[in-house]
Amino acid sequence: MPEGENVSDGSAARPNRRKVREGTVVSDKMQSTLVVAVVERVRHPRYGKTVQRTKRLYVHDAEGAARVGDRVRVVETRPLSKLKRWRLAEIMERAR
């Protein structure tokens, strides 16, 4: 390790600290909470066929800006409730 380089000070920010996902809002019935469906395409380990896997994420939306059908980007955050681990980063596309 070169002189003067201190790794333990934490000043070097990690570039990929938080996970980011894109999905569609499927429910906005709760106060300041959305349910976002994130579709992931993975190849089947044995057969090689592409399979869709859907995960429902509970997302914090403080302003209540997003509506059902909107395409949104969400960011991982600290636990906000029993199920909420994500917060709304931006609304990419409004529902028609």
PDB file of N, CA and C in Angstrom:
ATOM      1  N   MET A   1       0.836  -1.180   0.000  1.00  0.00           N
ATOM      2  CA  MET A   1       0.000   0.000   0.000  1.00  0.00           C
ATOM      3  C   MET A   1       0.882   1.245   0.000  1.00  0.00           C
ATOM      4  N   PRO A   2       0.616   2.215  -0.901  1.00  0.00           N
ATOM      5  CA  PRO A   2       1.433   3.418  -0.976  1.00  0.00           C
ATOM      6  C   PRO A   2       1.327   4.265   0.285  1.00  0.00           C
ATOM      7  N   GLU A   3       2.337   5.097   0.495  1.00  0.00           N
ATOM      8  CA  GLU A   3       2.362   5.991   1.651  1.00  0.00           C
ATOM      9  C   GLU A   3       1.203   6.979   1.604  1.00  0.00           C
ATOM     10  N   GLY A   4       0.609   7.267   2.746  1.00  0.00           N
ATOM     11  CA  GLY A   4      -0.429   8.279   2.840  1.00  0.00           C
ATOM     12  C   GLY A   4      -1.815   7.809   2.434  1.00  0.00           C
ATOM     13  N   GLU A   5      -1.940   6.564   1.994  1.00  0.00           N
ATOM     14  CA  GLU A   5      -3.257   6.061   1.595  1.00  0.00           C
ATOM     15  C   GLU A   5      -3.889   5.341   2.772  1.00  0.00           C
ATOM     16  N   ASN A   6      -5.028   5.855   3.209  1.00  0.00           N
ATOM     17  CA  ASN A   6      -5.710   5.283   4.353  1.00  0.00           C
ATOM     18  C   ASN A   6      -7.063   4.734   3.897  1.00  0.00           C
ATOM     19  N   VAL A   7      -7.213   3.412   3.967  1.00  0.00           N
ATOM     20  CA  VAL A   7      -8.420   2.764   3.470  1.00  0.00           C
ATOM     21  C   VAL A   7      -9.550   2.845   4.492  1.00  0.00           C
ATOM     22  N   SER A   8      -9.229   2.857   5.773  1.00  0.00           N
ATOM     23  CA  SER A   8     -10.250   2.762   6.813  1.00  0.00           C
ATOM     24  C   SER A   8     -10.987   4.071   7.078  1.00  0.00           C
ATOM     25  N   ASP A   9     -10.603   5.184   6.452  1.00  0.00           N
ATOM     26  CA  ASP A   9     -11.265   6.451   6.748  1.00  0.00           C
ATOM     27  C   ASP A   9     -12.648   6.569   6.118  1.00  0.00           C
ATOM     28  N   GLY A  10     -12.982   5.727   5.128  1.00  0.00           N
ATOM     29  CA  GLY A  10     -14.314   5.719   4.546  1.00  0.00           C
ATOM     30  C   GLY A  10     -14.580   6.860   3.586  1.00  0.00           C
ATOM     31  N   SER A  11     -13.560   7.640   3.240  1.00  0.00           N
ATOM     32  CA  SER A  11     -13.769   8.787   2.353  1.00  0.00           C
ATOM     33  C   SER A  11     -13.995   8.363   0.908  1.00  0.00           C
ATOM     34  N   ALA A  12     -13.449   7.212   0.534  1.00  0.00           N
ATOM     35  CA  ALA A  12     -13.653   6.717  -0.835  1.00  0.00           C
ATOM     36  C   ALA A  12     -15.064   6.145  -0.927  1.00  0.00           C
ATOM     37  N   ALA A  13     -15.947   6.861  -1.633  1.00  0.00           N
ATOM     38  CA  ALA A  13     -17.340   6.417  -1.749  1.00  0.00           C
ATOM     39  C   ALA A  13     -17.422   5.206  -2.660  1.00  0.00           C
ATOM     40  N   ARG A  14     -18.210   4.234  -2.230  1.00  0.00           N
ATOM     41  CA  ARG A  14     -18.407   3.052  -3.070  1.00  0.00           C
ATOM     42  C   ARG A  14     -19.362   3.423  -4.193  1.00  0.00           C
ATOM     43  N   PRO A  15     -19.034   3.104  -5.436  1.00  0.00           N
ATOM     44  CA  PRO A  15     -19.862   3.540  -6.562  1.00  0.00           C
ATOM     45  C   PRO A  15     -21.219   2.844  -6.636  1.00  0.00           C
ATOM     46  N   ASN A  16     -21.318   1.578  -6.258  1.00  0.00           N
ATOM     47  CA  ASN A  16     -22.567   0.824  -6.390  1.00  0.00           C
ATOM     48  C   ASN A  16     -23.145   0.508  -5.021  1.00  0.00           C
ATOM     49  N   ARG A  17     -23.422   1.543  -4.257  1.00  0.00           N
ATOM     50  CA  ARG A  17     -23.899   1.318  -2.899  1.00  0.00           C
ATOM     51  C   ARG A  17     -25.319   0.791  -2.840  1.00  0.00           C
ATOM     52  N   ARG A  18     -26.206   1.342  -3.662  1.00  0.00           N
ATOM     53  CA  ARG A  18     -27.619   0.990  -3.564  1.00  0.00           C
ATOM     54  C   ARG A  18     -28.118   0.364  -4.852  1.00  0.00           C
ATOM     55  N   LYS A  19     -28.967  -0.647  -4.698  1.00  0.00           N
ATOM     56  CA  LYS A  19     -29.558  -1.290  -5.871  1.00  0.00           C
ATOM     57  C   LYS A  19     -30.609  -0.368  -6.475  1.00  0.00           C
ATOM     58  N   VAL A  20     -30.719  -0.391  -7.787  1.00  0.00           N
ATOM     59  CA  VAL A  20     -31.715   0.401  -8.507  1.00  0.00           C
ATOM     60  C   VAL A  20     -32.512  -0.555  -9.379  1.00  0.00           C
ATOM     61  N   ARG A  21     -33.843  -0.436  -9.356  1.00  0.00           N
ATOM     62  CA  ARG A  21     -34.707  -1.289 -10.164  1.00  0.00           C
ATOM     63  C   ARG A  21     -35.725  -0.434 -10.897  1.00  0.00           C
ATOM     64  N   GLU A  22     -36.240  -0.949 -12.007  1.00  0.00           N
ATOM     65  CA  GLU A  22     -37.301  -0.285 -12.756  1.00  0.00           C
ATOM     66  C   GLU A  22     -38.492  -1.225 -12.805  1.00  0.00           C
ATOM     67  N   GLY A  23     -39.683  -0.655 -12.641  1.00  0.00           N
ATOM     68  CA  GLY A  23     -40.872  -1.489 -12.656  1.00  0.00           C
ATOM     69  C   GLY A  23     -42.129  -0.683 -12.891  1.00  0.00           C
ATOM     70  N   THR A  24     -43.254  -1.366 -12.785  1.00  0.00           N
ATOM     71  CA  THR A  24     -44.568  -0.770 -13.020  1.00  0.00           C
ATOM     72  C   THR A  24     -45.353  -0.742 -11.719  1.00  0.00           C
ATOM     73  N   VAL A  25     -45.997   0.391 -11.439  1.00  0.00           N
ATOM     74  CA  VAL A  25     -46.818   0.517 -10.225  1.00  0.00           C
ATOM     75  C   VAL A  25     -48.081  -0.318 -10.418  1.00  0.00           C
ATOM     76  N   VAL A  26     -48.337  -1.250  -9.493  1.00  0.00           N
ATOM     77  CA  VAL A  26     -49.536  -2.084  -9.572  1.00  0.00           C
ATOM     78  C   VAL A  26     -50.566  -1.710  -8.511  1.00  0.00           C
ATOM     79  N   SER A  27     -50.145  -0.962  -7.472  1.00  0.00           N
ATOM     80  CA  SER A  27     -51.091  -0.520  -6.452  1.00  0.00           C
ATOM     81  C   SER A  27     -50.599   0.765  -5.808  1.00  0.00           C
ATOM     82  N   ASP A  28     -51.553   1.699  -5.570  1.00  0.00           N
ATOM     83  CA  ASP A  28     -51.237   2.937  -4.854  1.00  0.00           C
ATOM     84  C   ASP A  28     -52.291   3.216  -3.782  1.00  0.00           C
ATOM     85  N   LYS A  29     -52.897   2.177  -3.254  1.00  0.00           N
ATOM     86  CA  LYS A  29     -53.998   2.305  -2.306  1.00  0.00           C
ATOM     87  C   LYS A  29     -53.545   2.716  -0.900  1.00  0.00           C
ATOM     88  N   MET A  30     -52.289   2.435  -0.552  1.00  0.00           N
ATOM     89  CA  MET A  30     -51.813   2.744   0.795  1.00  0.00           C
ATOM     90  C   MET A  30     -51.308   4.180   0.872  1.00  0.00           C
ATOM     91  N   GLN A  31     -51.250   4.703   2.090  1.00  0.00           N
ATOM     92  CA  GLN A  31     -50.717   6.048   2.283  1.00  0.00           C
ATOM     93  C   GLN A  31     -49.211   6.019   2.111  1.00  0.00           C
ATOM     94  N   SER A  32     -48.706   6.843   1.213  1.00  0.00           N
ATOM     95  CA  SER A  32     -47.269   7.014   0.937  1.00  0.00           C
ATOM     96  C   SER A  32     -46.540   5.708   0.636  1.00  0.00           C
ATOM     97  N   THR A  33     -47.266   4.698   0.144  1.00  0.00           N
ATOM     98  CA  THR A  33     -46.655   3.426  -0.232  1.00  0.00           C
ATOM     99  C   THR A  33     -47.203   2.964  -1.572  1.00  0.00           C
ATOM    100  N   LEU A  34     -46.296   2.469  -2.403  1.00  0.00           N
ATOM    101  CA  LEU A  34     -46.664   1.887  -3.690  1.00  0.00           C
ATOM    102  C   LEU A  34     -46.262   0.431  -3.695  1.00  0.00           C
ATOM    103  N   VAL A  35     -46.928  -0.349  -4.527  1.00  0.00           N
ATOM    104  CA  VAL A  35     -46.455  -1.699  -4.816  1.00  0.00           C
ATOM    105  C   VAL A  35     -46.008  -1.678  -6.266  1.00  0.00           C
ATOM    106  N   VAL A  36     -44.742  -2.021  -6.486  1.00  0.00           N
ATOM    107  CA  VAL A  36     -44.146  -1.976  -7.817  1.00  0.00           C
ATOM    108  C   VAL A  36     -43.763  -3.387  -8.234  1.00  0.00           C
ATOM    109  N   ALA A  37     -44.207  -3.788  -9.424  1.00  0.00           N
ATOM    110  CA  ALA A  37     -43.854  -5.099  -9.973  1.00  0.00           C
ATOM    111  C   ALA A  37     -42.611  -4.940 -10.836  1.00  0.00           C
ATOM    112  N   VAL A  38     -41.559  -5.655 -10.481  1.00  0.00           N
ATOM    113  CA  VAL A  38     -40.308  -5.625 -11.230  1.00  0.00           C
ATOM    114  C   VAL A  38     -40.164  -6.964 -11.945  1.00  0.00           C
ATOM    115  N   VAL A  39     -40.068  -6.912 -13.274  1.00  0.00           N
ATOM    116  CA  VAL A  39     -39.940  -8.128 -14.073  1.00  0.00           C
ATOM    117  C   VAL A  39     -38.469  -8.351 -14.383  1.00  0.00           C
ATOM    118  N   GLU A  40     -38.004  -9.555 -14.092  1.00  0.00           N
ATOM    119  CA  GLU A  40     -36.612  -9.924 -14.328  1.00  0.00           C
ATOM    120  C   GLU A  40     -36.599 -11.100 -15.304  1.00  0.00           C
ATOM    121  N   ARG A  41     -35.803 -10.986 -16.331  1.00  0.00           N
ATOM    122  CA  ARG A  41     -35.673 -12.088 -17.289  1.00  0.00           C
ATOM    123  C   ARG A  41     -34.385 -12.853 -16.993  1.00  0.00           C
ATOM    124  N   VAL A  42     -34.525 -14.143 -16.728  1.00  0.00           N
ATOM    125  CA  VAL A  42     -33.360 -14.982 -16.435  1.00  0.00           C
ATOM    126  C   VAL A  42     -33.412 -16.226 -17.314  1.00  0.00           C
ATOM    127  N   ARG A  43     -32.249 -16.753 -17.611  1.00  0.00           N
ATOM    128  CA  ARG A  43     -32.177 -17.995 -18.378  1.00  0.00           C
ATOM    129  C   ARG A  43     -32.292 -19.168 -17.423  1.00  0.00           C
ATOM    130  N   HIS A  44     -33.096 -20.150 -17.811  1.00  0.00           N
ATOM    131  CA  HIS A  44     -33.269 -21.339 -16.990  1.00  0.00           C
ATOM    132  C   HIS A  44     -31.930 -22.074 -16.945  1.00  0.00           C
ATOM    133  N   PRO A  45     -31.493 -22.487 -15.739  1.00  0.00           N
ATOM    134  CA  PRO A  45     -30.160 -23.095 -15.625  1.00  0.00           C
ATOM    135  C   PRO A  45     -29.973 -24.369 -16.458  1.00  0.00           C
ATOM    136  N   ARG A  46     -31.014 -25.204 -16.549  1.00  0.00           N
ATOM    137  CA  ARG A  46     -30.865 -26.464 -17.279  1.00  0.00           C
ATOM    138  C   ARG A  46     -31.284 -26.334 -18.738  1.00  0.00           C
ATOM    139  N   TYR A  47     -32.440 -25.733 -18.983  1.00  0.00           N
ATOM    140  CA  TYR A  47     -33.021 -25.770 -20.320  1.00  0.00           C
ATOM    141  C   TYR A  47     -32.665 -24.564 -21.180  1.00  0.00           C
ATOM    142  N   GLY A  48     -32.147 -23.514 -20.579  1.00  0.00           N
ATOM    143  CA  GLY A  48     -31.696 -22.377 -21.361  1.00  0.00           C
ATOM    144  C   GLY A  48     -32.794 -21.448 -21.837  1.00  0.00           C
ATOM    145  N   LYS A  49     -34.049 -21.784 -21.560  1.00  0.00           N
ATOM    146  CA  LYS A  49     -35.149 -20.925 -21.976  1.00  0.00           C
ATOM    147  C   LYS A  49     -35.193 -19.676 -21.091  1.00  0.00           C
ATOM    148  N   THR A  50     -35.541 -18.541 -21.694  1.00  0.00           N
ATOM    149  CA  THR A  50     -35.675 -17.308 -20.929  1.00  0.00           C
ATOM    150  C   THR A  50     -36.998 -17.321 -20.176  1.00  0.00           C
ATOM    151  N   VAL A  51     -36.925 -17.087 -18.867  1.00  0.00           N
ATOM    152  CA  VAL A  51     -38.088 -17.130 -17.998  1.00  0.00           C
ATOM    153  C   VAL A  51     -38.273 -15.759 -17.351  1.00  0.00           C
ATOM    154  N   GLN A  52     -39.531 -15.311 -17.236  1.00  0.00           N
ATOM    155  CA  GLN A  52     -39.816 -14.045 -16.556  1.00  0.00           C
ATOM    156  C   GLN A  52     -40.117 -14.319 -15.092  1.00  0.00           C
ATOM    157  N   ARG A  53     -39.458 -13.575 -14.218  1.00  0.00           N
ATOM    158  CA  ARG A  53     -39.745 -13.656 -12.788  1.00  0.00           C
ATOM    159  C   ARG A  53     -40.189 -12.281 -12.330  1.00  0.00           C
ATOM    160  N   THR A  54     -41.308 -12.231 -11.625  1.00  0.00           N
ATOM    161  CA  THR A  54     -41.849 -10.967 -11.149  1.00  0.00           C
ATOM    162  C   THR A  54     -41.688 -10.873  -9.645  1.00  0.00           C
ATOM    163  N   LYS A  55     -41.200  -9.725  -9.194  1.00  0.00           N
ATOM    164  CA  LYS A  55     -41.068  -9.473  -7.767  1.00  0.00           C
ATOM    165  C   LYS A  55     -41.856  -8.222  -7.429  1.00  0.00           C
ATOM    166  N   ARG A  56     -42.607  -8.271  -6.341  1.00  0.00           N
ATOM    167  CA  ARG A  56     -43.392  -7.107  -5.909  1.00  0.00           C
ATOM    168  C   ARG A  56     -42.629  -6.408  -4.793  1.00  0.00           C
ATOM    169  N   LEU A  57     -42.278  -5.145  -5.025  1.00  0.00           N
ATOM    170  CA  LEU A  57     -41.533  -4.364  -4.050  1.00  0.00           C
ATOM    171  C   LEU A  57     -42.457  -3.327  -3.426  1.00  0.00           C
ATOM    172  N   TYR A  58     -42.329  -3.136  -2.118  1.00  0.00           N
ATOM    173  CA  TYR A  58     -43.066  -2.081  -1.429  1.00  0.00           C
ATOM    174  C   TYR A  58     -42.178  -0.848  -1.410  1.00  0.00           C
ATOM    175  N   VAL A  59     -42.693   0.261  -1.956  1.00  0.00           N
ATOM    176  CA  VAL A  59     -41.889   1.451  -2.232  1.00  0.00           C
ATOM    177  C   VAL A  59     -42.469   2.652  -1.498  1.00  0.00           C
ATOM    178  N   HIS A  60     -41.594   3.442  -0.876  1.00  0.00           N
ATOM    179  CA  HIS A  60     -42.021   4.666  -0.187  1.00  0.00           C
ATOM    180  C   HIS A  60     -42.157   5.805  -1.192  1.00  0.00           C
ATOM    181  N   ASP A  61     -43.336   6.422  -1.212  1.00  0.00           N
ATOM    182  CA  ASP A  61     -43.622   7.558  -2.092  1.00  0.00           C
ATOM    183  C   ASP A  61     -44.206   8.659  -1.219  1.00  0.00           C
ATOM    184  N   ALA A  62     -43.350   9.517  -0.665  1.00  0.00           N
ATOM    185  CA  ALA A  62     -43.767  10.522   0.313  1.00  0.00           C
ATOM    186  C   ALA A  62     -44.784  11.501  -0.249  1.00  0.00           C
ATOM    187  N   GLU A  63     -44.601  11.936  -1.499  1.00  0.00           N
ATOM    188  CA  GLU A  63     -45.499  12.932  -2.089  1.00  0.00           C
ATOM    189  C   GLU A  63     -46.765  12.312  -2.676  1.00  0.00           C
ATOM    190  N   GLY A  64     -46.790  11.029  -2.876  1.00  0.00           N
ATOM    191  CA  GLY A  64     -47.942  10.380  -3.500  1.00  0.00           C
ATOM    192  C   GLY A  64     -48.059  10.736  -4.969  1.00  0.00           C
ATOM    193  N   ALA A  65     -46.924  10.870  -5.646  1.00  0.00           N
ATOM    194  CA  ALA A  65     -46.902  11.346  -7.033  1.00  0.00           C
ATOM    195  C   ALA A  65     -47.246  10.264  -8.051  1.00  0.00           C
ATOM    196  N   ALA A  66     -46.862   9.038  -7.777  1.00  0.00           N
ATOM    197  CA  ALA A  66     -47.038   7.969  -8.768  1.00  0.00           C
ATOM    198  C   ALA A  66     -48.443   7.383  -8.718  1.00  0.00           C
ATOM    199  N   ARG A  67     -48.910   6.911  -9.863  1.00  0.00           N
ATOM    200  CA  ARG A  67     -50.224   6.292  -9.999  1.00  0.00           C
ATOM    201  C   ARG A  67     -50.073   4.898 -10.609  1.00  0.00           C
ATOM    202  N   VAL A  68     -51.150   4.116 -10.558  1.00  0.00           N
ATOM    203  CA  VAL A  68     -51.129   2.764 -11.116  1.00  0.00           C
ATOM    204  C   VAL A  68     -50.832   2.832 -12.611  1.00  0.00           C
ATOM    205  N   GLY A  69     -49.915   1.992 -13.059  1.00  0.00           N
ATOM    206  CA  GLY A  69     -49.550   1.939 -14.467  1.00  0.00           C
ATOM    207  C   GLY A  69     -48.314   2.741 -14.806  1.00  0.00           C
ATOM    208  N   ASP A  70     -47.870   3.628 -13.907  1.00  0.00           N
ATOM    209  CA  ASP A  70     -46.664   4.421 -14.163  1.00  0.00           C
ATOM    210  C   ASP A  70     -45.431   3.527 -14.154  1.00  0.00           C
ATOM    211  N   ARG A  71     -44.490   3.877 -15.010  1.00  0.00           N
ATOM    212  CA  ARG A  71     -43.191   3.197 -15.020  1.00  0.00           C
ATOM    213  C   ARG A  71     -42.267   3.998 -14.124  1.00  0.00           C
ATOM    214  N   VAL A  72     -41.667   3.361 -13.107  1.00  0.00           N
ATOM    215  CA  VAL A  72     -40.885   4.085 -12.103  1.00  0.00           C
ATOM    216  C   VAL A  72     -39.510   3.449 -11.893  1.00  0.00           C
ATOM    217  N   ARG A  73     -38.613   4.263 -11.353  1.00  0.00           N
ATOM    218  CA  ARG A  73     -37.292   3.782 -10.936  1.00  0.00           C
ATOM    219  C   ARG A  73     -37.247   3.871  -9.421  1.00  0.00           C
ATOM    220  N   VAL A  74     -36.840   2.788  -8.760  1.00  0.00           N
ATOM    221  CA  VAL A  74     -36.791   2.750  -7.299  1.00  0.00           C
ATOM    222  C   VAL A  74     -35.363   2.452  -6.845  1.00  0.00           C
ATOM    223  N   VAL A  75     -35.042   2.932  -5.630  1.00  0.00           N
ATOM    224  CA  VAL A  75     -33.703   2.789  -5.069  1.00  0.00           C
ATOM    225  C   VAL A  75     -33.814   2.116  -3.710  1.00  0.00           C
ATOM    226  N   GLU A  76     -32.901   1.218  -3.448  1.00  0.00           N
ATOM    227  CA  GLU A  76     -32.859   0.529  -2.170  1.00  0.00           C
ATOM    228  C   GLU A  76     -32.560   1.532  -1.055  1.00  0.00           C
ATOM    229  N   THR A  77     -33.184   1.331   0.103  1.00  0.00           N
ATOM    230  CA  THR A  77     -32.965   2.227   1.235  1.00  0.00           C
ATOM    231  C   THR A  77     -33.039   1.437   2.540  1.00  0.00           C
ATOM    232  N   ARG A  78     -32.881   2.122   3.638  1.00  0.00           N
ATOM    233  CA  ARG A  78     -32.968   1.459   4.946  1.00  0.00           C
ATOM    234  C   ARG A  78     -34.402   0.958   5.163  1.00  0.00           C
ATOM    235  N   PRO A  79     -34.615   0.014   6.069  1.00  0.00           N
ATOM    236  CA  PRO A  79     -35.979  -0.437   6.335  1.00  0.00           C
ATOM    237  C   PRO A  79     -36.849   0.707   6.852  1.00  0.00           C
ATOM    238  N   LEU A  80     -37.969   0.955   6.159  1.00  0.00           N
ATOM    239  CA  LEU A  80     -38.882   2.022   6.543  1.00  0.00           C
ATOM    240  C   LEU A  80     -40.098   1.477   7.284  1.00  0.00           C
ATOM    241  N   SER A  81     -40.408   0.209   7.100  1.00  0.00           N
ATOM    242  CA  SER A  81     -41.492  -0.458   7.820  1.00  0.00           C
ATOM    243  C   SER A  81     -41.227  -1.953   7.745  1.00  0.00           C
ATOM    244  N   LYS A  82     -42.226  -2.746   8.096  1.00  0.00           N
ATOM    245  CA  LYS A  82     -42.048  -4.201   8.088  1.00  0.00           C
ATOM    246  C   LYS A  82     -41.650  -4.716   6.709  1.00  0.00           C
ATOM    247  N   LEU A  83     -42.248  -4.150   5.641  1.00  0.00           N
ATOM    248  CA  LEU A  83     -41.993  -4.640   4.282  1.00  0.00           C
ATOM    249  C   LEU A  83     -41.265  -3.635   3.377  1.00  0.00           C
ATOM    250  N   LYS A  84     -41.322  -2.346   3.703  1.00  0.00           N
ATOM    251  CA  LYS A  84     -40.765  -1.315   2.807  1.00  0.00           C
ATOM    252  C   LYS A  84     -39.255  -1.217   2.943  1.00  0.00           C
ATOM    253  N   ARG A  85     -38.562  -1.486   1.821  1.00  0.00           N
ATOM    254  CA  ARG A  85     -37.100  -1.373   1.769  1.00  0.00           C
ATOM    255  C   ARG A  85     -36.648  -0.545   0.571  1.00  0.00           C
ATOM    256  N   TRP A  86     -37.580   0.083  -0.134  1.00  0.00           N
ATOM    257  CA  TRP A  86     -37.275   0.819  -1.359  1.00  0.00           C
ATOM    258  C   TRP A  86     -37.940   2.182  -1.311  1.00  0.00           C
ATOM    259  N   ARG A  87     -37.379   3.159  -2.039  1.00  0.00           N
ATOM    260  CA  ARG A  87     -38.038   4.457  -2.160  1.00  0.00           C
ATOM    261  C   ARG A  87     -38.051   4.881  -3.613  1.00  0.00           C
ATOM    262  N   LEU A  88     -39.019   5.719  -3.941  1.00  0.00           N
ATOM    263  CA  LEU A  88     -39.209   6.176  -5.313  1.00  0.00           C
ATOM    264  C   LEU A  88     -38.107   7.150  -5.690  1.00  0.00           C
ATOM    265  N   ALA A  89     -37.405   6.864  -6.786  1.00  0.00           N
ATOM    266  CA  ALA A  89     -36.348   7.755  -7.262  1.00  0.00           C
ATOM    267  C   ALA A  89     -36.906   8.710  -8.313  1.00  0.00           C
ATOM    268  N   GLU A  90     -37.621   8.157  -9.309  1.00  0.00           N
ATOM    269  CA  GLU A  90     -38.200   9.014 -10.341  1.00  0.00           C
ATOM    270  C   GLU A  90     -39.315   8.261 -11.071  1.00  0.00           C
ATOM    271  N   ILE A  91     -40.215   9.063 -11.648  1.00  0.00           N
ATOM    272  CA  ILE A  91     -41.265   8.509 -12.496  1.00  0.00           C
ATOM    273  C   ILE A  91     -40.761   8.651 -13.917  1.00  0.00           C
ATOM    274  N   MET A  92     -40.540   7.541 -14.585  1.00  0.00           N
ATOM    275  CA  MET A  92     -39.943   7.557 -15.918  1.00  0.00           C
ATOM    276  C   MET A  92     -40.998   7.802 -17.004  1.00  0.00           C
ATOM    277  N   GLU A  93     -42.176   7.192 -16.822  1.00  0.00           N
ATOM    278  CA  GLU A  93     -43.218   7.296 -17.844  1.00  0.00           C
ATOM    279  C   GLU A  93     -44.579   7.216 -17.162  1.00  0.00           C
ATOM    280  N   ARG A  94     -45.443   8.159 -17.484  1.00  0.00           N
ATOM    281  CA  ARG A  94     -46.793   8.175 -16.903  1.00  0.00           C
ATOM    282  C   ARG A  94     -47.689   7.178 -17.615  1.00  0.00           C
ATOM    283  N   ALA A  95     -48.667   6.644 -16.896  1.00  0.00           N
ATOM    284  CA  ALA A  95     -49.637   5.724 -17.483  1.00  0.00           C
ATOM    285  C   ALA A  95     -50.552   6.504 -18.421  1.00  0.00           C
ATOM    286  N   ARG A  96     -50.982   5.868 -19.492  1.00  0.00           N
ATOM    287  CA  ARG A  96     -51.878   6.519 -20.453  1.00  0.00           C
ATOM    288  C   ARG A  96     -53.309   6.268 -20.105  1.00  0.00           C
TER     289      ARG A  96
END
